Amino acid sequence: MSDITPIALLRDIESRVRTSATGLPEQSEVTETWSGIGFRIGEHYFVAPMSEVKEILRVPAYTRLPNVQAWVLGVSNIRGRLIPIIDLNTFLSYESQLAIRNRRILVIEQNEQSDGLVIDGVEGMQYFPVDDFNESAPAIPEGIKPFVTGHFVKEDRVWCRFNMRDLFENEEFQGVAV
C-alpha cells in the first residue's frame, strides 16, 4: 500500500490538472443587446419588446360579437378573463394566407385592458446588438408604418420593431364598434 493520504492524492491530481488545463477564451468585447418576441405578418418580420407581450397562445375558441369592426373576431375566455380577439393582419389591411387554426395570438395588456392579437406566426426570442438599431422604417405596407419605430437586420432579414403601446393607443384600434 502507498503512504499517500487521500488529501495528498487530491492535491497531486489538482496540480496535474492545473498544469495541463487550457485557459478559457477571453471575450474581446461585451455587446449590449436588445431582445424581443419575434412574430410574422405575411412575409414581414417584427419584434416587440418582451415587456409589451404578456402571453403567446394558439388561437382559442371565441364568440363572435355583433356590430364590431371586421378585424374584431370576437371574445374568448382565457383563464377566466374575457379577451377581445383581434386579427392584426386585417386591422393593418394585410390579408393572411393562413387558416386561423395555424396562426397564433400575442396577448398584450395596457392599462389593465388585455387584447389577443392574431398574427401569422411566432418566431421566438430574438436578440440584436443595440448598435444595429436603425430608426428608419423599412419598406413595409403603409398600414403598418405607424406602429414601427425602426428596424434591425440579422442574417439578411429585416426585423421591424413593433410598438404595441402605439397600436393600443391608436384611435382606430380603440374604435371597435361599427
N, C-alpha and C. Protein backbone atom coordinates (compact mmCIF):
# COMPACT_ATOMS: atom_id res chain seq x y z
N MET A 1 0.82 -1.18 0.00
CA MET A 1 0.00 0.00 0.00
C MET A 1 0.86 1.24 0.00
N SER A 2 0.30 2.26 -0.53
CA SER A 2 1.00 3.53 -0.63
C SER A 2 0.83 4.33 0.65
N ASP A 3 1.87 5.14 0.94
CA ASP A 3 1.82 6.00 2.12
C ASP A 3 1.14 7.34 1.83
N ILE A 4 0.57 7.52 0.64
CA ILE A 4 -0.08 8.78 0.27
C ILE A 4 -1.46 8.84 0.91
N THR A 5 -1.73 9.96 1.52
CA THR A 5 -3.05 10.16 2.13
C THR A 5 -4.04 10.61 1.05
N PRO A 6 -5.30 10.45 1.28
CA PRO A 6 -6.29 10.90 0.29
C PRO A 6 -6.16 12.39 -0.03
N ILE A 7 -5.86 13.20 0.96
CA ILE A 7 -5.71 14.65 0.74
C ILE A 7 -4.50 14.91 -0.16
N ALA A 8 -3.41 14.24 0.09
CA ALA A 8 -2.21 14.43 -0.73
C ALA A 8 -2.47 13.98 -2.16
N LEU A 9 -3.23 12.89 -2.33
CA LEU A 9 -3.58 12.40 -3.65
C LEU A 9 -4.43 13.43 -4.40
N LEU A 10 -5.42 13.98 -3.72
CA LEU A 10 -6.26 15.00 -4.35
C LEU A 10 -5.45 16.24 -4.74
N ARG A 11 -4.51 16.66 -3.90
CA ARG A 11 -3.65 17.81 -4.21
C ARG A 11 -2.78 17.52 -5.43
N ASP A 12 -2.28 16.31 -5.53
CA ASP A 12 -1.46 15.92 -6.67
C ASP A 12 -2.28 15.95 -7.96
N ILE A 13 -3.51 15.42 -7.90
CA ILE A 13 -4.39 15.44 -9.08
C ILE A 13 -4.71 16.87 -9.47
N GLU A 14 -5.02 17.72 -8.49
CA GLU A 14 -5.33 19.12 -8.78
C GLU A 14 -4.14 19.81 -9.43
N SER A 15 -2.96 19.56 -8.96
CA SER A 15 -1.75 20.17 -9.52
C SER A 15 -1.55 19.75 -10.97
N ARG A 16 -1.73 18.48 -11.26
CA ARG A 16 -1.57 17.99 -12.64
C ARG A 16 -2.64 18.57 -13.57
N VAL A 17 -3.88 18.68 -13.08
CA VAL A 17 -4.96 19.24 -13.89
C VAL A 17 -4.69 20.71 -14.20
N ARG A 18 -4.25 21.46 -13.20
CA ARG A 18 -3.97 22.89 -13.41
C ARG A 18 -2.84 23.11 -14.42
N THR A 19 -1.82 22.29 -14.40
CA THR A 19 -0.71 22.48 -15.34
C THR A 19 -1.07 22.07 -16.76
N SER A 20 -2.01 21.14 -16.91
CA SER A 20 -2.35 20.69 -18.26
C SER A 20 -3.62 21.36 -18.80
N ALA A 21 -4.32 22.12 -17.98
CA ALA A 21 -5.57 22.75 -18.42
C ALA A 21 -5.28 23.92 -19.35
N THR A 22 -6.12 24.06 -20.36
CA THR A 22 -6.00 25.22 -21.24
C THR A 22 -6.87 26.34 -20.68
N GLY A 23 -6.45 27.53 -20.93
CA GLY A 23 -7.19 28.69 -20.42
C GLY A 23 -8.51 28.87 -21.14
N LEU A 24 -9.42 29.53 -20.47
CA LEU A 24 -10.70 29.84 -21.08
C LEU A 24 -10.52 30.96 -22.09
N PRO A 25 -11.27 30.93 -23.16
CA PRO A 25 -11.15 32.02 -24.13
C PRO A 25 -11.64 33.33 -23.50
N GLU A 26 -10.98 34.40 -23.86
CA GLU A 26 -11.38 35.69 -23.34
C GLU A 26 -12.39 36.33 -24.28
N GLN A 27 -13.37 36.99 -23.70
CA GLN A 27 -14.34 37.70 -24.51
C GLN A 27 -13.73 39.04 -24.85
N SER A 28 -13.59 39.32 -26.13
CA SER A 28 -12.89 40.52 -26.54
C SER A 28 -13.68 41.78 -26.22
N GLU A 29 -14.98 41.75 -26.43
CA GLU A 29 -15.79 42.91 -26.08
C GLU A 29 -17.21 42.46 -25.73
N VAL A 30 -17.82 43.20 -24.85
CA VAL A 30 -19.18 42.89 -24.45
C VAL A 30 -20.10 43.77 -25.28
N THR A 31 -21.07 43.14 -25.94
CA THR A 31 -22.01 43.87 -26.77
C THR A 31 -23.35 43.92 -26.07
N GLU A 32 -23.88 45.12 -25.90
CA GLU A 32 -25.20 45.26 -25.29
C GLU A 32 -26.24 44.83 -26.31
N THR A 33 -27.21 44.01 -25.88
CA THR A 33 -28.21 43.50 -26.80
C THR A 33 -29.61 43.97 -26.41
N TRP A 34 -30.47 43.98 -27.41
CA TRP A 34 -31.90 44.26 -27.24
C TRP A 34 -32.61 42.97 -27.60
N SER A 35 -33.59 42.57 -26.81
CA SER A 35 -34.31 41.33 -27.10
C SER A 35 -35.80 41.58 -27.15
N GLY A 36 -36.48 40.75 -27.93
CA GLY A 36 -37.92 40.87 -28.04
C GLY A 36 -38.52 39.60 -28.61
N ILE A 37 -39.84 39.57 -28.64
CA ILE A 37 -40.58 38.44 -29.19
C ILE A 37 -40.72 38.66 -30.69
N GLY A 38 -40.24 37.69 -31.47
CA GLY A 38 -40.34 37.78 -32.92
C GLY A 38 -41.67 37.22 -33.39
N PHE A 39 -42.27 37.91 -34.35
CA PHE A 39 -43.50 37.41 -34.95
C PHE A 39 -43.58 37.82 -36.41
N ARG A 40 -44.53 37.21 -37.10
CA ARG A 40 -44.63 37.40 -38.53
C ARG A 40 -46.04 37.80 -38.94
N ILE A 41 -46.11 38.75 -39.86
CA ILE A 41 -47.35 39.12 -40.53
C ILE A 41 -47.04 38.98 -42.01
N GLY A 42 -47.59 37.96 -42.65
CA GLY A 42 -47.24 37.69 -44.04
C GLY A 42 -45.76 37.39 -44.14
N GLU A 43 -45.07 38.05 -45.08
CA GLU A 43 -43.63 37.84 -45.23
C GLU A 43 -42.81 38.87 -44.46
N HIS A 44 -43.46 39.68 -43.63
CA HIS A 44 -42.78 40.71 -42.85
C HIS A 44 -42.52 40.20 -41.42
N TYR A 45 -41.32 40.50 -40.93
CA TYR A 45 -40.91 40.05 -39.61
C TYR A 45 -40.84 41.23 -38.65
N PHE A 46 -41.32 40.99 -37.42
CA PHE A 46 -41.39 42.04 -36.42
C PHE A 46 -40.85 41.53 -35.09
N VAL A 47 -40.45 42.46 -34.25
CA VAL A 47 -40.11 42.14 -32.87
C VAL A 47 -40.80 43.16 -31.98
N ALA A 48 -41.32 42.69 -30.88
CA ALA A 48 -41.95 43.55 -29.89
C ALA A 48 -41.21 43.35 -28.57
N PRO A 49 -41.02 44.43 -27.83
CA PRO A 49 -40.36 44.28 -26.53
C PRO A 49 -41.08 43.25 -25.67
N MET A 50 -40.31 42.46 -24.95
CA MET A 50 -40.90 41.43 -24.09
C MET A 50 -41.89 42.02 -23.10
N SER A 51 -41.62 43.22 -22.63
CA SER A 51 -42.50 43.85 -21.65
C SER A 51 -43.88 44.16 -22.21
N GLU A 52 -44.03 44.17 -23.53
CA GLU A 52 -45.31 44.51 -24.14
C GLU A 52 -46.14 43.28 -24.53
N VAL A 53 -45.56 42.09 -24.45
CA VAL A 53 -46.28 40.86 -24.78
C VAL A 53 -46.38 40.03 -23.51
N LYS A 54 -47.61 39.79 -23.09
CA LYS A 54 -47.83 39.06 -21.84
C LYS A 54 -47.87 37.55 -22.02
N GLU A 55 -48.30 37.10 -23.22
CA GLU A 55 -48.50 35.67 -23.40
C GLU A 55 -48.58 35.36 -24.89
N ILE A 56 -48.24 34.13 -25.25
CA ILE A 56 -48.36 33.65 -26.62
C ILE A 56 -49.23 32.39 -26.56
N LEU A 57 -50.26 32.36 -27.40
CA LEU A 57 -51.22 31.24 -27.36
C LEU A 57 -51.57 30.76 -28.76
N ARG A 58 -52.12 29.56 -28.82
CA ARG A 58 -52.80 29.12 -30.04
C ARG A 58 -54.12 29.88 -30.06
N VAL A 59 -54.72 30.01 -31.22
CA VAL A 59 -55.99 30.73 -31.32
C VAL A 59 -57.05 29.90 -30.61
N PRO A 60 -57.63 30.43 -29.54
CA PRO A 60 -58.65 29.67 -28.79
C PRO A 60 -60.03 29.81 -29.46
N ALA A 61 -60.97 29.06 -28.97
CA ALA A 61 -62.35 29.23 -29.41
C ALA A 61 -62.79 30.63 -28.98
N TYR A 62 -63.56 31.27 -29.81
CA TYR A 62 -64.03 32.62 -29.47
C TYR A 62 -65.47 32.77 -29.92
N THR A 63 -66.15 33.73 -29.32
CA THR A 63 -67.54 34.02 -29.63
C THR A 63 -67.59 35.31 -30.44
N ARG A 64 -68.22 35.25 -31.59
CA ARG A 64 -68.35 36.44 -32.43
C ARG A 64 -69.24 37.46 -31.74
N LEU A 65 -69.01 38.73 -32.05
CA LEU A 65 -69.79 39.82 -31.47
C LEU A 65 -70.50 40.59 -32.59
N PRO A 66 -71.70 41.07 -32.32
CA PRO A 66 -72.40 41.87 -33.33
C PRO A 66 -71.89 43.31 -33.32
N ASN A 67 -72.02 43.97 -34.43
CA ASN A 67 -71.75 45.41 -34.56
C ASN A 67 -70.34 45.82 -34.18
N VAL A 68 -69.36 45.01 -34.58
CA VAL A 68 -67.96 45.38 -34.37
C VAL A 68 -67.24 45.39 -35.71
N GLN A 69 -66.07 45.99 -35.74
CA GLN A 69 -65.26 46.04 -36.95
C GLN A 69 -64.94 44.62 -37.42
N ALA A 70 -64.67 44.48 -38.71
CA ALA A 70 -64.38 43.16 -39.29
C ALA A 70 -63.12 42.54 -38.70
N TRP A 71 -62.20 43.35 -38.21
CA TRP A 71 -60.95 42.83 -37.65
C TRP A 71 -61.10 42.34 -36.21
N VAL A 72 -62.25 42.57 -35.59
CA VAL A 72 -62.52 42.02 -34.26
C VAL A 72 -63.21 40.68 -34.48
N LEU A 73 -62.50 39.60 -34.19
CA LEU A 73 -63.05 38.27 -34.43
C LEU A 73 -64.08 37.88 -33.38
N GLY A 74 -63.92 38.39 -32.16
CA GLY A 74 -64.84 38.06 -31.08
C GLY A 74 -64.14 38.18 -29.74
N VAL A 75 -64.66 37.47 -28.75
CA VAL A 75 -64.05 37.44 -27.42
C VAL A 75 -63.84 35.98 -27.02
N SER A 76 -62.84 35.78 -26.17
CA SER A 76 -62.53 34.44 -25.70
C SER A 76 -62.30 34.48 -24.20
N ASN A 77 -62.71 33.43 -23.54
CA ASN A 77 -62.45 33.30 -22.10
C ASN A 77 -61.10 32.61 -21.94
N ILE A 78 -60.13 33.37 -21.51
CA ILE A 78 -58.79 32.83 -21.30
C ILE A 78 -58.48 32.91 -19.81
N ARG A 79 -58.49 31.77 -19.16
CA ARG A 79 -58.27 31.65 -17.72
C ARG A 79 -59.15 32.62 -16.91
N GLY A 80 -60.43 32.65 -17.28
CA GLY A 80 -61.38 33.45 -16.52
C GLY A 80 -61.45 34.91 -16.91
N ARG A 81 -60.71 35.32 -17.92
CA ARG A 81 -60.74 36.72 -18.38
C ARG A 81 -61.27 36.76 -19.81
N LEU A 82 -62.22 37.66 -20.07
CA LEU A 82 -62.72 37.84 -21.42
C LEU A 82 -61.74 38.74 -22.17
N ILE A 83 -61.17 38.20 -23.24
CA ILE A 83 -60.17 38.94 -24.01
C ILE A 83 -60.66 39.09 -25.45
N PRO A 84 -60.70 40.33 -25.95
CA PRO A 84 -61.04 40.52 -27.37
C PRO A 84 -59.99 39.87 -28.26
N ILE A 85 -60.45 39.18 -29.29
CA ILE A 85 -59.56 38.53 -30.25
C ILE A 85 -59.57 39.38 -31.52
N ILE A 86 -58.41 39.93 -31.85
CA ILE A 86 -58.28 40.89 -32.95
C ILE A 86 -57.35 40.34 -34.01
N ASP A 87 -57.83 40.32 -35.25
CA ASP A 87 -57.00 39.87 -36.37
C ASP A 87 -56.10 41.05 -36.75
N LEU A 88 -54.85 41.01 -36.31
CA LEU A 88 -53.93 42.12 -36.56
C LEU A 88 -53.68 42.31 -38.04
N ASN A 89 -53.61 41.22 -38.80
CA ASN A 89 -53.43 41.34 -40.25
C ASN A 89 -54.54 42.19 -40.87
N THR A 90 -55.79 41.87 -40.54
CA THR A 90 -56.93 42.59 -41.10
C THR A 90 -56.93 44.04 -40.63
N PHE A 91 -56.63 44.27 -39.37
CA PHE A 91 -56.57 45.64 -38.86
C PHE A 91 -55.54 46.45 -39.64
N LEU A 92 -54.41 45.84 -39.97
CA LEU A 92 -53.34 46.53 -40.68
C LEU A 92 -53.52 46.48 -42.21
N SER A 93 -54.70 46.03 -42.66
CA SER A 93 -55.01 45.93 -44.09
C SER A 93 -54.03 45.03 -44.82
N TYR A 94 -53.74 43.89 -44.20
CA TYR A 94 -52.79 42.95 -44.78
C TYR A 94 -53.39 41.55 -44.64
N GLU A 95 -53.90 41.00 -45.70
CA GLU A 95 -54.62 39.73 -45.66
C GLU A 95 -53.69 38.55 -45.36
N SER A 96 -54.12 37.69 -44.46
CA SER A 96 -53.36 36.49 -44.13
C SER A 96 -53.69 35.37 -45.11
N GLN A 97 -52.70 34.57 -45.43
CA GLN A 97 -52.90 33.42 -46.30
C GLN A 97 -53.06 32.13 -45.50
N LEU A 98 -52.99 32.23 -44.17
CA LEU A 98 -53.04 31.05 -43.30
C LEU A 98 -54.42 30.84 -42.71
N ALA A 99 -54.77 29.59 -42.49
CA ALA A 99 -56.01 29.27 -41.78
C ALA A 99 -55.87 29.73 -40.34
N ILE A 100 -56.97 30.13 -39.74
CA ILE A 100 -56.95 30.67 -38.37
C ILE A 100 -56.33 29.68 -37.39
N ARG A 101 -56.55 28.39 -37.57
CA ARG A 101 -56.01 27.39 -36.64
C ARG A 101 -54.48 27.28 -36.71
N ASN A 102 -53.89 27.77 -37.81
CA ASN A 102 -52.43 27.72 -37.96
C ASN A 102 -51.75 29.01 -37.50
N ARG A 103 -52.51 29.94 -37.00
CA ARG A 103 -51.97 31.22 -36.57
C ARG A 103 -51.80 31.22 -35.04
N ARG A 104 -51.24 32.27 -34.51
CA ARG A 104 -51.01 32.38 -33.06
C ARG A 104 -51.55 33.71 -32.55
N ILE A 105 -51.61 33.82 -31.23
CA ILE A 105 -52.07 35.05 -30.58
C ILE A 105 -50.98 35.58 -29.67
N LEU A 106 -50.76 36.90 -29.77
CA LEU A 106 -49.93 37.61 -28.80
C LEU A 106 -50.90 38.35 -27.89
N VAL A 107 -50.86 38.08 -26.61
CA VAL A 107 -51.72 38.78 -25.67
C VAL A 107 -50.94 40.00 -25.18
N ILE A 108 -51.54 41.18 -25.40
CA ILE A 108 -50.93 42.41 -24.90
C ILE A 108 -51.83 42.99 -23.82
N GLU A 109 -51.24 43.79 -22.96
CA GLU A 109 -52.03 44.39 -21.88
C GLU A 109 -51.55 45.81 -21.66
N GLN A 110 -52.48 46.74 -21.71
CA GLN A 110 -52.20 48.14 -21.45
C GLN A 110 -53.32 48.67 -20.56
N ASN A 111 -52.96 49.38 -19.51
CA ASN A 111 -53.96 49.98 -18.62
C ASN A 111 -55.03 48.99 -18.19
N GLU A 112 -54.61 47.79 -17.84
CA GLU A 112 -55.49 46.72 -17.37
C GLU A 112 -56.47 46.22 -18.43
N GLN A 113 -56.26 46.57 -19.68
CA GLN A 113 -57.06 46.02 -20.78
C GLN A 113 -56.19 45.05 -21.55
N SER A 114 -56.69 43.84 -21.73
CA SER A 114 -55.95 42.83 -22.49
C SER A 114 -56.58 42.68 -23.87
N ASP A 115 -55.75 42.43 -24.85
CA ASP A 115 -56.21 42.15 -26.21
C ASP A 115 -55.40 40.98 -26.74
N GLY A 116 -56.04 40.11 -27.50
CA GLY A 116 -55.36 39.00 -28.15
C GLY A 116 -55.19 39.32 -29.62
N LEU A 117 -53.95 39.49 -30.06
CA LEU A 117 -53.66 39.86 -31.44
C LEU A 117 -53.32 38.60 -32.24
N VAL A 118 -54.14 38.28 -33.22
CA VAL A 118 -53.89 37.11 -34.06
C VAL A 118 -52.85 37.52 -35.11
N ILE A 119 -51.75 36.78 -35.15
CA ILE A 119 -50.67 37.03 -36.10
C ILE A 119 -50.40 35.73 -36.87
N ASP A 120 -49.59 35.82 -37.93
CA ASP A 120 -49.34 34.64 -38.75
C ASP A 120 -48.42 33.62 -38.10
N GLY A 121 -47.47 34.06 -37.30
CA GLY A 121 -46.57 33.11 -36.66
C GLY A 121 -45.67 33.77 -35.64
N VAL A 122 -45.20 32.98 -34.71
CA VAL A 122 -44.26 33.44 -33.69
C VAL A 122 -42.88 32.93 -34.07
N GLU A 123 -41.90 33.80 -34.00
CA GLU A 123 -40.53 33.47 -34.40
C GLU A 123 -39.59 33.36 -33.19
N GLY A 124 -40.15 33.25 -31.99
CA GLY A 124 -39.34 33.05 -30.79
C GLY A 124 -38.64 34.31 -30.32
N MET A 125 -37.78 34.13 -29.34
CA MET A 125 -36.99 35.25 -28.82
C MET A 125 -35.94 35.65 -29.86
N GLN A 126 -35.79 36.95 -30.04
CA GLN A 126 -34.80 37.46 -30.98
C GLN A 126 -33.89 38.42 -30.22
N TYR A 127 -32.60 38.36 -30.52
CA TYR A 127 -31.60 39.19 -29.86
C TYR A 127 -30.83 39.97 -30.92
N PHE A 128 -30.63 41.26 -30.67
CA PHE A 128 -29.94 42.13 -31.61
C PHE A 128 -28.97 43.03 -30.87
N PRO A 129 -27.79 43.28 -31.44
CA PRO A 129 -26.90 44.29 -30.84
C PRO A 129 -27.60 45.65 -30.89
N VAL A 130 -27.58 46.36 -29.77
CA VAL A 130 -28.25 47.66 -29.67
C VAL A 130 -27.73 48.61 -30.75
N ASP A 131 -26.44 48.55 -31.05
CA ASP A 131 -25.84 49.44 -32.04
C ASP A 131 -26.35 49.19 -33.46
N ASP A 132 -27.01 48.05 -33.70
CA ASP A 132 -27.51 47.73 -35.04
C ASP A 132 -28.90 48.30 -35.30
N PHE A 133 -29.48 48.98 -34.31
CA PHE A 133 -30.83 49.53 -34.48
C PHE A 133 -30.80 50.71 -35.44
N ASN A 134 -31.73 50.70 -36.40
CA ASN A 134 -31.87 51.78 -37.37
C ASN A 134 -33.26 52.37 -37.17
N GLU A 135 -33.33 53.67 -36.91
CA GLU A 135 -34.62 54.31 -36.60
C GLU A 135 -35.52 54.51 -37.80
N SER A 136 -35.03 54.30 -39.00
CA SER A 136 -35.88 54.49 -40.18
C SER A 136 -36.80 53.28 -40.36
N ALA A 137 -37.95 53.55 -40.98
CA ALA A 137 -38.88 52.46 -41.27
C ALA A 137 -38.49 51.83 -42.61
N PRO A 138 -38.35 50.51 -42.65
CA PRO A 138 -38.01 49.86 -43.92
C PRO A 138 -39.22 49.82 -44.85
N ALA A 139 -39.06 49.21 -46.00
CA ALA A 139 -40.15 49.08 -46.98
C ALA A 139 -41.19 48.09 -46.46
N ILE A 140 -42.27 48.63 -45.90
CA ILE A 140 -43.38 47.83 -45.39
C ILE A 140 -44.67 48.50 -45.81
N PRO A 141 -45.79 47.80 -45.80
CA PRO A 141 -47.07 48.41 -46.17
C PRO A 141 -47.39 49.63 -45.31
N GLU A 142 -48.04 50.61 -45.91
CA GLU A 142 -48.36 51.88 -45.23
C GLU A 142 -49.16 51.68 -43.94
N GLY A 143 -50.07 50.71 -43.93
CA GLY A 143 -50.90 50.49 -42.75
C GLY A 143 -50.12 50.03 -41.53
N ILE A 144 -48.92 49.53 -41.74
CA ILE A 144 -48.10 49.02 -40.63
C ILE A 144 -47.14 50.10 -40.10
N LYS A 145 -46.74 51.03 -40.95
CA LYS A 145 -45.72 52.03 -40.60
C LYS A 145 -45.97 52.81 -39.31
N PRO A 146 -47.22 53.20 -38.98
CA PRO A 146 -47.41 53.98 -37.74
C PRO A 146 -47.00 53.24 -36.47
N PHE A 147 -46.85 51.92 -36.55
CA PHE A 147 -46.55 51.13 -35.36
C PHE A 147 -45.12 50.61 -35.34
N VAL A 148 -44.33 51.01 -36.33
CA VAL A 148 -42.94 50.57 -36.43
C VAL A 148 -42.04 51.73 -36.03
N THR A 149 -41.14 51.47 -35.08
CA THR A 149 -40.26 52.53 -34.57
C THR A 149 -38.83 52.38 -35.07
N GLY A 150 -38.60 51.55 -36.05
CA GLY A 150 -37.27 51.32 -36.59
C GLY A 150 -37.10 49.85 -36.91
N HIS A 151 -35.85 49.47 -37.16
CA HIS A 151 -35.63 48.06 -37.51
C HIS A 151 -34.20 47.62 -37.21
N PHE A 152 -34.05 46.30 -37.17
CA PHE A 152 -32.76 45.63 -37.07
C PHE A 152 -32.61 44.77 -38.32
N VAL A 153 -31.39 44.43 -38.66
CA VAL A 153 -31.15 43.47 -39.74
C VAL A 153 -30.28 42.37 -39.15
N LYS A 154 -30.74 41.13 -39.32
CA LYS A 154 -29.99 39.98 -38.83
C LYS A 154 -30.07 38.89 -39.89
N GLU A 155 -28.89 38.42 -40.31
CA GLU A 155 -28.82 37.34 -41.31
C GLU A 155 -29.67 37.67 -42.55
N ASP A 156 -29.51 38.88 -43.07
CA ASP A 156 -30.20 39.37 -44.27
C ASP A 156 -31.71 39.45 -44.11
N ARG A 157 -32.22 39.41 -42.90
CA ARG A 157 -33.66 39.54 -42.67
C ARG A 157 -33.90 40.84 -41.90
N VAL A 158 -34.87 41.62 -42.37
CA VAL A 158 -35.24 42.87 -41.70
C VAL A 158 -36.28 42.56 -40.64
N TRP A 159 -35.99 42.99 -39.41
CA TRP A 159 -36.89 42.81 -38.28
C TRP A 159 -37.37 44.20 -37.85
N CYS A 160 -38.63 44.50 -38.11
CA CYS A 160 -39.20 45.79 -37.73
C CYS A 160 -39.55 45.76 -36.24
N ARG A 161 -39.18 46.81 -35.56
CA ARG A 161 -39.51 46.91 -34.12
C ARG A 161 -40.93 47.45 -34.01
N PHE A 162 -41.83 46.61 -33.53
CA PHE A 162 -43.26 46.92 -33.45
C PHE A 162 -43.58 47.44 -32.06
N ASN A 163 -44.26 48.59 -32.00
CA ASN A 163 -44.59 49.20 -30.72
C ASN A 163 -46.06 48.91 -30.38
N MET A 164 -46.27 47.97 -29.47
CA MET A 164 -47.63 47.59 -29.07
C MET A 164 -48.35 48.74 -28.39
N ARG A 165 -47.62 49.58 -27.68
CA ARG A 165 -48.25 50.72 -26.99
C ARG A 165 -48.85 51.68 -28.02
N ASP A 166 -48.12 51.94 -29.12
CA ASP A 166 -48.66 52.81 -30.17
C ASP A 166 -49.90 52.20 -30.79
N LEU A 167 -49.90 50.88 -30.98
CA LEU A 167 -51.08 50.19 -31.51
C LEU A 167 -52.25 50.36 -30.56
N PHE A 168 -52.02 50.10 -29.29
CA PHE A 168 -53.09 50.16 -28.29
C PHE A 168 -53.67 51.57 -28.20
N GLU A 169 -52.85 52.59 -28.29
CA GLU A 169 -53.31 53.98 -28.15
C GLU A 169 -53.90 54.53 -29.44
N ASN A 170 -53.82 53.78 -30.53
CA ASN A 170 -54.35 54.22 -31.82
C ASN A 170 -55.87 54.37 -31.74
N GLU A 171 -56.37 55.49 -32.21
CA GLU A 171 -57.80 55.79 -32.13
C GLU A 171 -58.63 54.76 -32.90
N GLU A 172 -58.17 54.36 -34.07
CA GLU A 172 -58.90 53.37 -34.87
C GLU A 172 -58.92 52.02 -34.16
N PHE A 173 -57.82 51.65 -33.51
CA PHE A 173 -57.74 50.38 -32.79
C PHE A 173 -58.72 50.36 -31.62
N GLN A 174 -58.90 51.50 -30.98
CA GLN A 174 -59.83 51.59 -29.86
C GLN A 174 -61.29 51.67 -30.30
N GLY A 175 -61.52 52.06 -31.57
CA GLY A 175 -62.89 52.20 -32.08
C GLY A 175 -63.40 50.92 -32.69
N VAL A 176 -63.73 49.95 -31.87
CA VAL A 176 -64.13 48.63 -32.37
C VAL A 176 -65.59 48.56 -32.81
N ALA A 177 -66.42 49.47 -32.34
CA ALA A 177 -67.86 49.43 -32.71
C ALA A 177 -68.07 49.95 -34.11
N VAL A 178 -69.05 49.37 -34.79
CA VAL A 178 -69.38 49.81 -36.15
C VAL A 178 -70.37 50.95 -36.07
